[in-house]
Amino acid sequence: MKHDLKRGALLLASATFFVAALNALQKLTGSRLPALEIIFFRNLFSLPFVLLIASRTGIILKTHHFGGHLIRSVVGLISMIMVVITVTRLPLAEQQVLSYTQPLFLVLLSIPLLHERPSLQRWVAVLIGFAGVVVVALGKGLLNTDATSVSTIIYLLALAQGAVGALTTMQIRQLSATEASTTISLWQAILMSLMTAAPLLFIWVTPGFQDALCLVVVGAFAGIAQVLQTEAFASTQVSAIGPFAYTGLLWAALIGWLGFGEIPSSAMAVGAVLIIGSGIWMLRHDRASKARATVTATVEAAEGS
């Protein structure tokens, strides 16, 4: 651990740019190509970059938890499908904002799955975050329309992706207890490529030159983003640079404006402030809790000696 906050923040902000850019490319191709086809090439062309990361510490595929990797890959695949569908039909900035509900769903899922008891501060942050979701929904008039309308279903799908993404994060945390991060990444790329390869026989659409180029770049950008994120989290503590992950909204709004003529509404801006604010609050709360736990452990150790 290098503890270089400036380096870690810059790398993480750069990683969010590549994620926003690949989402824009998925938006371009998503109206012409099946989601599974896009995801297949995303994982296939990101594999060289994953191997590059793994080669630094040794490529290890041996695992005692193949079932865990399989389940994690299935859930991750579902999350990726949701992303492709929603970025194709929603403004990039809106889809990005709704993806930031992951920390909120992590709190909710930790109760039944990890038997945790969230603190009062976490509950307040969750309520503020979901208030932001309601604000965004009100701005689109979704609460005044038919719940079965296409726009409402896509919006709910984007929100559900936050929950599925949170479940994926939770599974990674559980696997990380015994598996190296590179092993998890390798199995994800391999398994997702295999899972999406078989259906291609039935859904294949031959991409034109522009779409084929986009697919290659999507995979490359996914791999680059993973490399940058790995380097960022190796530079300093996650809690210290966590807020910089939200720079993805700035990139998404800028790319959406310049590339697709999407102008964020005032309701989306207010909702984004509430959702992102709740996420940053939880990061700061976690950091403070860890600091208090460290001080307590130090004092107890000193008293014991």
C-alpha atoms as a PDB file:
ATOM      1  CA  MET A   1       0.000   0.000   0.000  1.00  0.00           C
ATOM      2  CA  LYS A   2       1.581   3.248  -1.175  1.00  0.00           C
ATOM      3  CA  HIS A   3      -0.818   5.625   0.631  1.00  0.00           C
ATOM      4  CA  ASP A   4      -0.672   8.130  -2.221  1.00  0.00           C
ATOM      5  CA  LEU A   5      -4.043   9.877  -2.036  1.00  0.00           C
ATOM      6  CA  LYS A   6      -3.450  12.159  -5.040  1.00  0.00           C
ATOM      7  CA  ARG A   7      -2.402   9.245  -7.262  1.00  0.00           C
ATOM      8  CA  GLY A   8      -5.300   7.063  -6.119  1.00  0.00           C
ATOM      9  CA  ALA A   9      -7.872   9.816  -6.659  1.00  0.00           C
ATOM     10  CA  LEU A  10      -6.556  10.590 -10.151  1.00  0.00           C
ATOM     11  CA  LEU A  11      -6.548   6.921 -11.158  1.00  0.00           C
ATOM     12  CA  LEU A  12     -10.077   6.316  -9.838  1.00  0.00           C
ATOM     13  CA  ALA A  13     -11.438   9.423 -11.572  1.00  0.00           C
ATOM     14  CA  SER A  14      -9.784   8.212 -14.791  1.00  0.00           C
ATOM     15  CA  ALA A  15     -11.370   4.778 -14.356  1.00  0.00           C
ATOM     16  CA  THR A  16     -14.829   6.365 -14.092  1.00  0.00           C
ATOM     17  CA  PHE A  17     -14.193   8.186 -17.389  1.00  0.00           C
ATOM     18  CA  PHE A  18     -13.547   4.911 -19.214  1.00  0.00           C
ATOM     19  CA  VAL A  19     -16.678   3.368 -17.656  1.00  0.00           C
ATOM     20  CA  ALA A  20     -18.774   6.343 -18.813  1.00  0.00           C
ATOM     21  CA  ALA A  21     -17.196   6.123 -22.272  1.00  0.00           C
ATOM     22  CA  LEU A  22     -17.867   2.385 -22.636  1.00  0.00           C
ATOM     23  CA  ASN A  23     -21.461   2.947 -21.518  1.00  0.00           C
ATOM     24  CA  ALA A  24     -21.791   5.533 -24.277  1.00  0.00           C
ATOM     25  CA  LEU A  25     -20.493   3.003 -26.815  1.00  0.00           C
ATOM     26  CA  GLN A  26     -22.903   0.383 -25.449  1.00  0.00           C
ATOM     27  CA  LYS A  27     -25.653   2.958 -25.922  1.00  0.00           C
ATOM     28  CA  LEU A  28     -24.606   3.392 -29.561  1.00  0.00           C
ATOM     29  CA  THR A  29     -24.600  -0.343 -30.302  1.00  0.00           C
ATOM     30  CA  GLY A  30     -27.431  -1.373 -27.973  1.00  0.00           C
ATOM     31  CA  SER A  31     -30.171  -0.377 -30.403  1.00  0.00           C
ATOM     32  CA  ARG A  32     -28.738  -2.613 -33.148  1.00  0.00           C
ATOM     33  CA  LEU A  33     -27.064  -5.543 -31.386  1.00  0.00           C
ATOM     34  CA  PRO A  34     -28.340  -7.946 -28.678  1.00  0.00           C
ATOM     35  CA  ALA A  35     -27.178  -7.175 -25.140  1.00  0.00           C
ATOM     36  CA  LEU A  36     -25.573 -10.626 -24.766  1.00  0.00           C
ATOM     37  CA  GLU A  37     -23.507 -10.099 -27.905  1.00  0.00           C
ATOM     38  CA  ILE A  38     -22.197  -6.777 -26.590  1.00  0.00           C
ATOM     39  CA  ILE A  39     -21.372  -8.320 -23.223  1.00  0.00           C
ATOM     40  CA  PHE A  40     -19.588 -11.276 -24.852  1.00  0.00           C
ATOM     41  CA  PHE A  41     -17.183  -8.990 -26.678  1.00  0.00           C
ATOM     42  CA  ARG A  42     -16.833  -6.749 -23.635  1.00  0.00           C
ATOM     43  CA  ASN A  43     -15.549  -9.645 -21.543  1.00  0.00           C
ATOM     44  CA  LEU A  44     -13.543 -11.215 -24.366  1.00  0.00           C
ATOM     45  CA  PHE A  45     -11.598  -8.067 -25.228  1.00  0.00           C
ATOM     46  CA  SER A  46     -11.124  -7.087 -21.570  1.00  0.00           C
ATOM     47  CA  LEU A  47      -9.437 -10.432 -20.810  1.00  0.00           C
ATOM     48  CA  PRO A  48      -5.933  -9.332 -21.982  1.00  0.00           C
ATOM     49  CA  PHE A  49      -6.034  -6.442 -19.527  1.00  0.00           C
ATOM     50  CA  VAL A  50      -7.166  -8.726 -16.696  1.00  0.00           C
ATOM     51  CA  LEU A  51      -4.258 -11.051 -17.557  1.00  0.00           C
ATOM     52  CA  LEU A  52      -1.936  -8.031 -17.442  1.00  0.00           C
ATOM     53  CA  ILE A  53      -3.044  -7.257 -13.891  1.00  0.00           C
ATOM     54  CA  ALA A  54      -2.790 -10.904 -12.858  1.00  0.00           C
ATOM     55  CA  SER A  55       0.702 -11.329 -14.344  1.00  0.00           C
ATOM     56  CA  ARG A  56       2.113  -8.853 -11.847  1.00  0.00           C
ATOM     57  CA  THR A  57       1.408 -11.141  -8.901  1.00  0.00           C
ATOM     58  CA  GLY A  58       1.051 -14.459 -10.722  1.00  0.00           C
ATOM     59  CA  ILE A  59      -1.846 -15.873 -12.720  1.00  0.00           C
ATOM     60  CA  ILE A  60      -3.771 -18.128 -10.347  1.00  0.00           C
ATOM     61  CA  LEU A  61      -6.875 -19.961 -11.540  1.00  0.00           C
ATOM     62  CA  LYS A  62      -6.843 -22.642  -8.864  1.00  0.00           C
ATOM     63  CA  THR A  63      -9.803 -22.208  -6.545  1.00  0.00           C
ATOM     64  CA  HIS A  64     -11.701 -24.110  -3.874  1.00  0.00           C
ATOM     65  CA  HIS A  65     -14.814 -21.988  -4.434  1.00  0.00           C
ATOM     66  CA  PHE A  66     -15.696 -22.512  -8.104  1.00  0.00           C
ATOM     67  CA  GLY A  67     -19.387 -22.464  -7.193  1.00  0.00           C
ATOM     68  CA  GLY A  68     -18.940 -19.023  -5.646  1.00  0.00           C
ATOM     69  CA  HIS A  69     -17.258 -17.737  -8.812  1.00  0.00           C
ATOM     70  CA  LEU A  70     -20.036 -19.248 -10.923  1.00  0.00           C
ATOM     71  CA  ILE A  71     -22.815 -17.601  -8.901  1.00  0.00           C
ATOM     72  CA  ARG A  72     -20.925 -14.294  -8.817  1.00  0.00           C
ATOM     73  CA  SER A  73     -20.531 -14.422 -12.622  1.00  0.00           C
ATOM     74  CA  VAL A  74     -24.225 -15.198 -13.179  1.00  0.00           C
ATOM     75  CA  VAL A  75     -25.282 -12.272 -10.990  1.00  0.00           C
ATOM     76  CA  GLY A  76     -22.666 -10.033 -12.608  1.00  0.00           C
ATOM     77  CA  LEU A  77     -23.933 -11.036 -16.050  1.00  0.00           C
ATOM     78  CA  ILE A  78     -27.488 -10.087 -15.077  1.00  0.00           C
ATOM     79  CA  SER A  79     -26.190  -6.719 -13.870  1.00  0.00           C
ATOM     80  CA  MET A  80     -24.347  -6.111 -17.161  1.00  0.00           C
ATOM     81  CA  ILE A  81     -27.461  -6.985 -19.187  1.00  0.00           C
ATOM     82  CA  MET A  82     -29.435  -4.461 -17.145  1.00  0.00           C
ATOM     83  CA  VAL A  83     -26.801  -1.796 -17.796  1.00  0.00           C
ATOM     84  CA  VAL A  84     -26.845  -2.338 -21.574  1.00  0.00           C
ATOM     85  CA  ILE A  85     -30.660  -2.205 -21.697  1.00  0.00           C
ATOM     86  CA  THR A  86     -30.943   0.904 -19.519  1.00  0.00           C
ATOM     87  CA  VAL A  87     -28.111   2.957 -21.062  1.00  0.00           C
ATOM     88  CA  THR A  88     -29.688   2.294 -24.463  1.00  0.00           C
ATOM     89  CA  ARG A  89     -32.991   3.816 -23.369  1.00  0.00           C
ATOM     90  CA  LEU A  90     -32.123   6.334 -20.641  1.00  0.00           C
ATOM     91  CA  PRO A  91     -29.901   9.424 -20.717  1.00  0.00           C
ATOM     92  CA  LEU A  92     -26.373   8.437 -19.643  1.00  0.00           C
ATOM     93  CA  ALA A  93     -26.394  10.740 -16.607  1.00  0.00           C
ATOM     94  CA  GLU A  94     -29.705   9.355 -15.328  1.00  0.00           C
ATOM     95  CA  GLN A  95     -28.546   5.766 -15.635  1.00  0.00           C
ATOM     96  CA  GLN A  96     -25.317   6.709 -13.845  1.00  0.00           C
ATOM     97  CA  VAL A  97     -27.183   8.391 -10.986  1.00  0.00           C
ATOM     98  CA  LEU A  98     -29.416   5.362 -10.441  1.00  0.00           C
ATOM     99  CA  SER A  99     -26.362   3.069 -10.393  1.00  0.00           C
ATOM    100  CA  TYR A 100     -25.150   5.033  -7.361  1.00  0.00           C
ATOM    101  CA  THR A 101     -27.916   3.417  -5.300  1.00  0.00           C
ATOM    102  CA  GLN A 102     -25.635   0.390  -4.835  1.00  0.00           C
ATOM    103  CA  PRO A 103     -24.398   1.499  -1.375  1.00  0.00           C
ATOM    104  CA  LEU A 104     -28.010   1.960  -0.286  1.00  0.00           C
ATOM    105  CA  PHE A 105     -28.943  -1.570  -1.343  1.00  0.00           C
ATOM    106  CA  LEU A 106     -25.756  -2.896   0.291  1.00  0.00           C
ATOM    107  CA  VAL A 107     -27.079  -1.670   3.638  1.00  0.00           C
ATOM    108  CA  LEU A 108     -30.456  -3.325   3.058  1.00  0.00           C
ATOM    109  CA  LEU A 109     -28.969  -6.618   1.822  1.00  0.00           C
ATOM    110  CA  SER A 110     -26.508  -6.803   4.705  1.00  0.00           C
ATOM    111  CA  ILE A 111     -29.402  -7.370   7.110  1.00  0.00           C
ATOM    112  CA  PRO A 112     -30.724 -10.713   5.780  1.00  0.00           C
ATOM    113  CA  LEU A 113     -27.494 -11.950   4.158  1.00  0.00           C
ATOM    114  CA  LEU A 114     -24.816 -10.880   6.643  1.00  0.00           C
ATOM    115  CA  HIS A 115     -27.031 -10.453   9.719  1.00  0.00           C
ATOM    116  CA  GLU A 116     -25.671  -6.965  10.276  1.00  0.00           C
ATOM    117  CA  ARG A 117     -27.414  -4.226  12.223  1.00  0.00           C
ATOM    118  CA  PRO A 118     -26.984  -0.910  10.391  1.00  0.00           C
ATOM    119  CA  SER A 119     -26.388   2.144  12.582  1.00  0.00           C
ATOM    120  CA  LEU A 120     -28.831   5.049  12.794  1.00  0.00           C
ATOM    121  CA  GLN A 121     -26.525   7.116  10.572  1.00  0.00           C
ATOM    122  CA  ARG A 122     -26.685   4.448   7.863  1.00  0.00           C
ATOM    123  CA  TRP A 123     -30.474   4.323   7.999  1.00  0.00           C
ATOM    124  CA  VAL A 124     -30.648   8.117   7.680  1.00  0.00           C
ATOM    125  CA  ALA A 125     -28.281   7.953   4.676  1.00  0.00           C
ATOM    126  CA  VAL A 126     -30.452   5.259   3.048  1.00  0.00           C
ATOM    127  CA  LEU A 127     -33.594   7.362   3.495  1.00  0.00           C
ATOM    128  CA  ILE A 128     -31.872  10.429   2.016  1.00  0.00           C
ATOM    129  CA  GLY A 129     -30.595   8.372  -0.925  1.00  0.00           C
ATOM    130  CA  PHE A 130     -33.983   6.935  -1.785  1.00  0.00           C
ATOM    131  CA  ALA A 131     -35.515  10.397  -1.392  1.00  0.00           C
ATOM    132  CA  GLY A 132     -33.168  11.351  -4.227  1.00  0.00           C
ATOM    133  CA  VAL A 133     -34.552   8.466  -6.298  1.00  0.00           C
ATOM    134  CA  VAL A 134     -38.081   9.767  -5.720  1.00  0.00           C
ATOM    135  CA  VAL A 135     -37.012  13.276  -6.780  1.00  0.00           C
ATOM    136  CA  VAL A 136     -35.595  11.941 -10.054  1.00  0.00           C
ATOM    137  CA  ALA A 137     -38.775   9.900 -10.634  1.00  0.00           C
ATOM    138  CA  LEU A 138     -40.968  12.956  -9.985  1.00  0.00           C
ATOM    139  CA  GLY A 139     -38.910  14.972 -12.453  1.00  0.00           C
ATOM    140  CA  LYS A 140     -39.662  12.386 -15.158  1.00  0.00           C
ATOM    141  CA  GLY A 141     -43.327  12.242 -14.168  1.00  0.00           C
ATOM    142  CA  LEU A 142     -43.031   8.506 -13.554  1.00  0.00           C
ATOM    143  CA  LEU A 143     -45.121   8.572 -10.394  1.00  0.00           C
ATOM    144  CA  ASN A 144     -48.036  10.007 -12.389  1.00  0.00           C
ATOM    145  CA  THR A 145     -47.963   7.469 -15.232  1.00  0.00           C
ATOM    146  CA  ASP A 146     -49.019   3.864 -15.697  1.00  0.00           C
ATOM    147  CA  ALA A 147     -46.711   1.536 -13.773  1.00  0.00           C
ATOM    148  CA  THR A 148     -46.629  -0.765 -16.812  1.00  0.00           C
ATOM    149  CA  SER A 149     -45.433   1.943 -19.235  1.00  0.00           C
ATOM    150  CA  VAL A 150     -42.121   1.327 -20.996  1.00  0.00           C
ATOM    151  CA  SER A 151     -40.427   4.379 -19.452  1.00  0.00           C
ATOM    152  CA  THR A 152     -41.416   3.342 -15.940  1.00  0.00           C
ATOM    153  CA  ILE A 153     -40.261  -0.256 -16.459  1.00  0.00           C
ATOM    154  CA  ILE A 154     -36.867   0.900 -17.787  1.00  0.00           C
ATOM    155  CA  TYR A 155     -36.486   3.282 -14.850  1.00  0.00           C
ATOM    156  CA  LEU A 156     -37.313   0.500 -12.385  1.00  0.00           C
ATOM    157  CA  LEU A 157     -34.872  -1.788 -14.208  1.00  0.00           C
ATOM    158  CA  ALA A 158     -32.115   0.815 -13.755  1.00  0.00           C
ATOM    159  CA  LEU A 159     -32.981   0.997 -10.065  1.00  0.00           C
ATOM    160  CA  ALA A 160     -32.992  -2.802  -9.801  1.00  0.00           C
ATOM    161  CA  GLN A 161     -29.527  -2.834 -11.368  1.00  0.00           C
ATOM    162  CA  GLY A 162     -28.332  -0.957  -8.288  1.00  0.00           C
ATOM    163  CA  ALA A 163     -29.624  -3.816  -6.138  1.00  0.00           C
ATOM    164  CA  VAL A 164     -28.095  -6.509  -8.350  1.00  0.00           C
ATOM    165  CA  GLY A 165     -24.819  -4.581  -8.417  1.00  0.00           C
ATOM    166  CA  ALA A 166     -24.865  -4.441  -4.626  1.00  0.00           C
ATOM    167  CA  LEU A 167     -25.362  -8.211  -4.496  1.00  0.00           C
ATOM    168  CA  THR A 168     -22.391  -8.637  -6.840  1.00  0.00           C
ATOM    169  CA  THR A 169     -20.246  -6.440  -4.586  1.00  0.00           C
ATOM    170  CA  MET A 170     -21.286  -8.486  -1.572  1.00  0.00           C
ATOM    171  CA  GLN A 171     -20.331 -11.725  -3.334  1.00  0.00           C
ATOM    172  CA  ILE A 172     -16.920 -10.287  -4.251  1.00  0.00           C
ATOM    173  CA  ARG A 173     -16.341  -9.367  -0.617  1.00  0.00           C
ATOM    174  CA  GLN A 174     -17.176 -12.900   0.468  1.00  0.00           C
ATOM    175  CA  LEU A 175     -14.898 -14.452  -2.159  1.00  0.00           C
ATOM    176  CA  SER A 176     -12.102 -12.016  -1.264  1.00  0.00           C
ATOM    177  CA  ALA A 177     -11.833 -13.658   2.140  1.00  0.00           C
ATOM    178  CA  THR A 178     -10.104 -16.638   0.522  1.00  0.00           C
ATOM    179  CA  GLU A 179      -9.474 -15.668  -3.132  1.00  0.00           C
ATOM    180  CA  ALA A 180      -7.071 -13.147  -4.669  1.00  0.00           C
ATOM    181  CA  SER A 181      -8.716 -10.230  -6.501  1.00  0.00           C
ATOM    182  CA  THR A 182      -6.976 -11.262  -9.736  1.00  0.00           C
ATOM    183  CA  THR A 183      -8.389 -14.786  -9.437  1.00  0.00           C
ATOM    184  CA  ILE A 184     -11.891 -13.355  -9.041  1.00  0.00           C
ATOM    185  CA  SER A 185     -11.405 -11.073 -12.065  1.00  0.00           C
ATOM    186  CA  LEU A 186     -10.012 -13.882 -14.225  1.00  0.00           C
ATOM    187  CA  TRP A 187     -12.855 -16.272 -13.462  1.00  0.00           C
ATOM    188  CA  GLN A 188     -15.374 -13.483 -14.097  1.00  0.00           C
ATOM    189  CA  ALA A 189     -13.973 -12.719 -17.558  1.00  0.00           C
ATOM    190  CA  ILE A 190     -13.672 -16.412 -18.490  1.00  0.00           C
ATOM    191  CA  LEU A 191     -17.066 -17.524 -17.175  1.00  0.00           C
ATOM    192  CA  MET A 192     -18.975 -14.541 -18.563  1.00  0.00           C
ATOM    193  CA  SER A 193     -17.376 -15.051 -21.976  1.00  0.00           C
ATOM    194  CA  LEU A 194     -18.417 -18.725 -21.950  1.00  0.00           C
ATOM    195  CA  MET A 195     -21.933 -17.969 -20.684  1.00  0.00           C
ATOM    196  CA  THR A 196     -22.578 -15.419 -23.415  1.00  0.00           C
ATOM    197  CA  ALA A 197     -20.862 -17.420 -26.191  1.00  0.00           C
ATOM    198  CA  ALA A 198     -23.449 -20.236 -26.300  1.00  0.00           C
ATOM    199  CA  PRO A 199     -26.529 -18.000 -26.844  1.00  0.00           C
ATOM    200  CA  LEU A 200     -24.749 -16.235 -29.734  1.00  0.00           C
ATOM    201  CA  LEU A 201     -25.675 -19.211 -31.952  1.00  0.00           C
ATOM    202  CA  PHE A 202     -29.329 -18.170 -31.652  1.00  0.00           C
ATOM    203  CA  ILE A 203     -29.174 -14.364 -31.350  1.00  0.00           C
ATOM    204  CA  TRP A 204     -26.131 -13.455 -33.467  1.00  0.00           C
ATOM    205  CA  VAL A 205     -26.369 -10.227 -35.444  1.00  0.00           C
ATOM    206  CA  THR A 206     -23.393  -9.531 -37.693  1.00  0.00           C
ATOM    207  CA  PRO A 207     -22.072  -6.105 -36.676  1.00  0.00           C
ATOM    208  CA  GLY A 208     -21.102  -3.538 -39.282  1.00  0.00           C
ATOM    209  CA  PHE A 209     -17.615  -2.043 -39.285  1.00  0.00           C
ATOM    210  CA  GLN A 210     -18.566   0.803 -36.909  1.00  0.00           C
ATOM    211  CA  ASP A 211     -20.308  -1.530 -34.450  1.00  0.00           C
ATOM    212  CA  ALA A 212     -17.440  -4.039 -34.588  1.00  0.00           C
ATOM    213  CA  LEU A 213     -14.968  -1.259 -33.773  1.00  0.00           C
ATOM    214  CA  CYS A 214     -17.195  -0.119 -30.896  1.00  0.00           C
ATOM    215  CA  LEU A 215     -17.279  -3.662 -29.480  1.00  0.00           C
ATOM    216  CA  VAL A 216     -13.473  -3.883 -29.502  1.00  0.00           C
ATOM    217  CA  VAL A 217     -13.182  -0.494 -27.804  1.00  0.00           C
ATOM    218  CA  VAL A 218     -15.865  -1.400 -25.223  1.00  0.00           C
ATOM    219  CA  GLY A 219     -13.808  -4.422 -24.155  1.00  0.00           C
ATOM    220  CA  ALA A 220     -10.566  -2.421 -24.145  1.00  0.00           C
ATOM    221  CA  PHE A 221     -12.141   0.378 -22.091  1.00  0.00           C
ATOM    222  CA  ALA A 222     -13.566  -2.168 -19.621  1.00  0.00           C
ATOM    223  CA  GLY A 223     -10.099  -3.673 -19.214  1.00  0.00           C
ATOM    224  CA  ILE A 224      -8.409  -0.275 -18.873  1.00  0.00           C
ATOM    225  CA  ALA A 225     -10.972   0.814 -16.272  1.00  0.00           C
ATOM    226  CA  GLN A 226     -10.293  -2.340 -14.266  1.00  0.00           C
ATOM    227  CA  VAL A 227      -6.527  -1.756 -14.401  1.00  0.00           C
ATOM    228  CA  LEU A 228      -6.918   1.863 -13.279  1.00  0.00           C
ATOM    229  CA  GLN A 229      -9.330   0.941 -10.489  1.00  0.00           C
ATOM    230  CA  THR A 230      -7.027  -1.808  -9.240  1.00  0.00           C
ATOM    231  CA  GLU A 231      -4.081   0.615  -9.207  1.00  0.00           C
ATOM    232  CA  ALA A 232      -6.195   3.269  -7.475  1.00  0.00           C
ATOM    233  CA  PHE A 233      -7.217   0.972  -4.629  1.00  0.00           C
ATOM    234  CA  ALA A 234      -3.598  -0.209  -4.333  1.00  0.00           C
ATOM    235  CA  SER A 235      -2.505   3.407  -3.875  1.00  0.00           C
ATOM    236  CA  THR A 236      -4.460   4.254  -0.752  1.00  0.00           C
ATOM    237  CA  GLN A 237      -7.441   3.245   1.402  1.00  0.00           C
ATOM    238  CA  VAL A 238     -10.764   2.772  -0.375  1.00  0.00           C
ATOM    239  CA  SER A 239     -12.564   5.025   2.110  1.00  0.00           C
ATOM    240  CA  ALA A 240     -10.150   7.862   1.329  1.00  0.00           C
ATOM    241  CA  ILE A 241     -10.736   7.914  -2.445  1.00  0.00           C
ATOM    242  CA  GLY A 242     -14.274   6.470  -2.510  1.00  0.00           C
ATOM    243  CA  PRO A 243     -15.951   9.859  -3.163  1.00  0.00           C
ATOM    244  CA  PHE A 244     -13.948  10.222  -6.402  1.00  0.00           C
ATOM    245  CA  ALA A 245     -15.928   7.289  -7.833  1.00  0.00           C
ATOM    246  CA  TYR A 246     -18.807   9.752  -8.183  1.00  0.00           C
ATOM    247  CA  THR A 247     -16.896  11.735 -10.813  1.00  0.00           C
ATOM    248  CA  GLY A 248     -18.442   9.214 -13.184  1.00  0.00           C
ATOM    249  CA  LEU A 249     -21.593  11.368 -13.162  1.00  0.00           C
ATOM    250  CA  LEU A 250     -19.653  14.361 -14.507  1.00  0.00           C
ATOM    251  CA  TRP A 251     -18.211  12.256 -17.341  1.00  0.00           C
ATOM    252  CA  ALA A 252     -21.620  10.702 -18.109  1.00  0.00           C
ATOM    253  CA  ALA A 253     -23.333  14.113 -18.173  1.00  0.00           C
ATOM    254  CA  LEU A 254     -20.599  15.593 -20.393  1.00  0.00           C
ATOM    255  CA  ILE A 255     -20.569  12.663 -22.851  1.00  0.00           C
ATOM    256  CA  GLY A 256     -24.378  12.570 -22.880  1.00  0.00           C
ATOM    257  CA  TRP A 257     -24.520  16.300 -23.673  1.00  0.00           C
ATOM    258  CA  LEU A 258     -21.808  16.353 -26.348  1.00  0.00           C
ATOM    259  CA  GLY A 259     -22.546  12.962 -27.910  1.00  0.00           C
ATOM    260  CA  PHE A 260     -26.310  12.598 -27.609  1.00  0.00           C
ATOM    261  CA  GLY A 261     -27.627  16.094 -26.882  1.00  0.00           C
ATOM    262  CA  GLU A 262     -28.858  14.998 -23.437  1.00  0.00           C
ATOM    263  CA  ILE A 263     -29.334  17.878 -20.997  1.00  0.00           C
ATOM    264  CA  PRO A 264     -29.819  16.833 -17.326  1.00  0.00           C
ATOM    265  CA  SER A 265     -32.959  18.212 -15.707  1.00  0.00           C
ATOM    266  CA  SER A 266     -32.986  20.190 -12.450  1.00  0.00           C
ATOM    267  CA  ALA A 267     -34.824  17.309 -10.743  1.00  0.00           C
ATOM    268  CA  MET A 268     -32.082  14.895 -11.789  1.00  0.00           C
ATOM    269  CA  ALA A 269     -29.445  17.304 -10.448  1.00  0.00           C
ATOM    270  CA  VAL A 270     -31.204  17.557  -7.067  1.00  0.00           C
ATOM    271  CA  GLY A 271     -31.736  13.803  -6.932  1.00  0.00           C
ATOM    272  CA  ALA A 272     -28.073  13.234  -7.776  1.00  0.00           C
ATOM    273  CA  VAL A 273     -26.988  15.498  -4.908  1.00  0.00           C
ATOM    274  CA  LEU A 274     -29.148  13.500  -2.464  1.00  0.00           C
ATOM    275  CA  ILE A 275     -28.045  10.062  -3.744  1.00  0.00           C
ATOM    276  CA  ILE A 276     -24.344  10.928  -3.977  1.00  0.00           C
ATOM    277  CA  GLY A 277     -24.455  12.827  -0.692  1.00  0.00           C
ATOM    278  CA  SER A 278     -25.860   9.781   1.085  1.00  0.00           C
ATOM    279  CA  GLY A 279     -23.115   7.602  -0.406  1.00  0.00           C
ATOM    280  CA  ILE A 280     -20.348   9.983   0.690  1.00  0.00           C
ATOM    281  CA  TRP A 281     -21.913  10.218   4.143  1.00  0.00           C
ATOM    282  CA  MET A 282     -21.753   6.426   4.482  1.00  0.00           C
ATOM    283  CA  LEU A 283     -18.117   6.397   3.331  1.00  0.00           C
ATOM    284  CA  ARG A 284     -17.178   9.026   5.920  1.00  0.00           C
ATOM    285  CA  HIS A 285     -19.163   7.191   8.592  1.00  0.00           C
ATOM    286  CA  ASP A 286     -17.369   3.909   7.795  1.00  0.00           C
ATOM    287  CA  ARG A 287     -14.005   5.666   7.922  1.00  0.00           C
ATOM    288  CA  ALA A 288     -14.814   7.240  11.297  1.00  0.00           C
ATOM    289  CA  SER A 289     -16.036   3.879  12.663  1.00  0.00           C
ATOM    290  CA  LYS A 290     -12.812   2.156  11.589  1.00  0.00           C
ATOM    291  CA  ALA A 291     -10.757   4.919  13.157  1.00  0.00           C
ATOM    292  CA  ARG A 292     -12.636   4.571  16.457  1.00  0.00           C
ATOM    293  CA  ALA A 293     -12.220   0.784  16.355  1.00  0.00           C
ATOM    294  CA  THR A 294      -8.456   1.180  15.806  1.00  0.00           C
ATOM    295  CA  VAL A 295      -8.136   3.613  18.719  1.00  0.00           C
ATOM    296  CA  THR A 296     -10.141   1.296  20.982  1.00  0.00           C
ATOM    297  CA  ALA A 297      -8.010  -1.714  20.024  1.00  0.00           C
ATOM    298  CA  THR A 298      -4.811   0.292  20.654  1.00  0.00           C
ATOM    299  CA  VAL A 299      -6.011   1.437  24.079  1.00  0.00           C
ATOM    300  CA  GLU A 300      -7.067  -2.086  25.069  1.00  0.00           C
ATOM    301  CA  ALA A 301      -3.720  -3.474  23.933  1.00  0.00           C
ATOM    302  CA  ALA A 302      -1.872  -0.825  25.948  1.00  0.00           C
ATOM    303  CA  GLU A 303      -3.950  -1.552  29.042  1.00  0.00           C
ATOM    304  CA  GLY A 304      -3.378  -5.281  28.615  1.00  0.00           C
ATOM    305  CA  SER A 305       0.389  -4.859  28.509  1.00  0.00           C
END
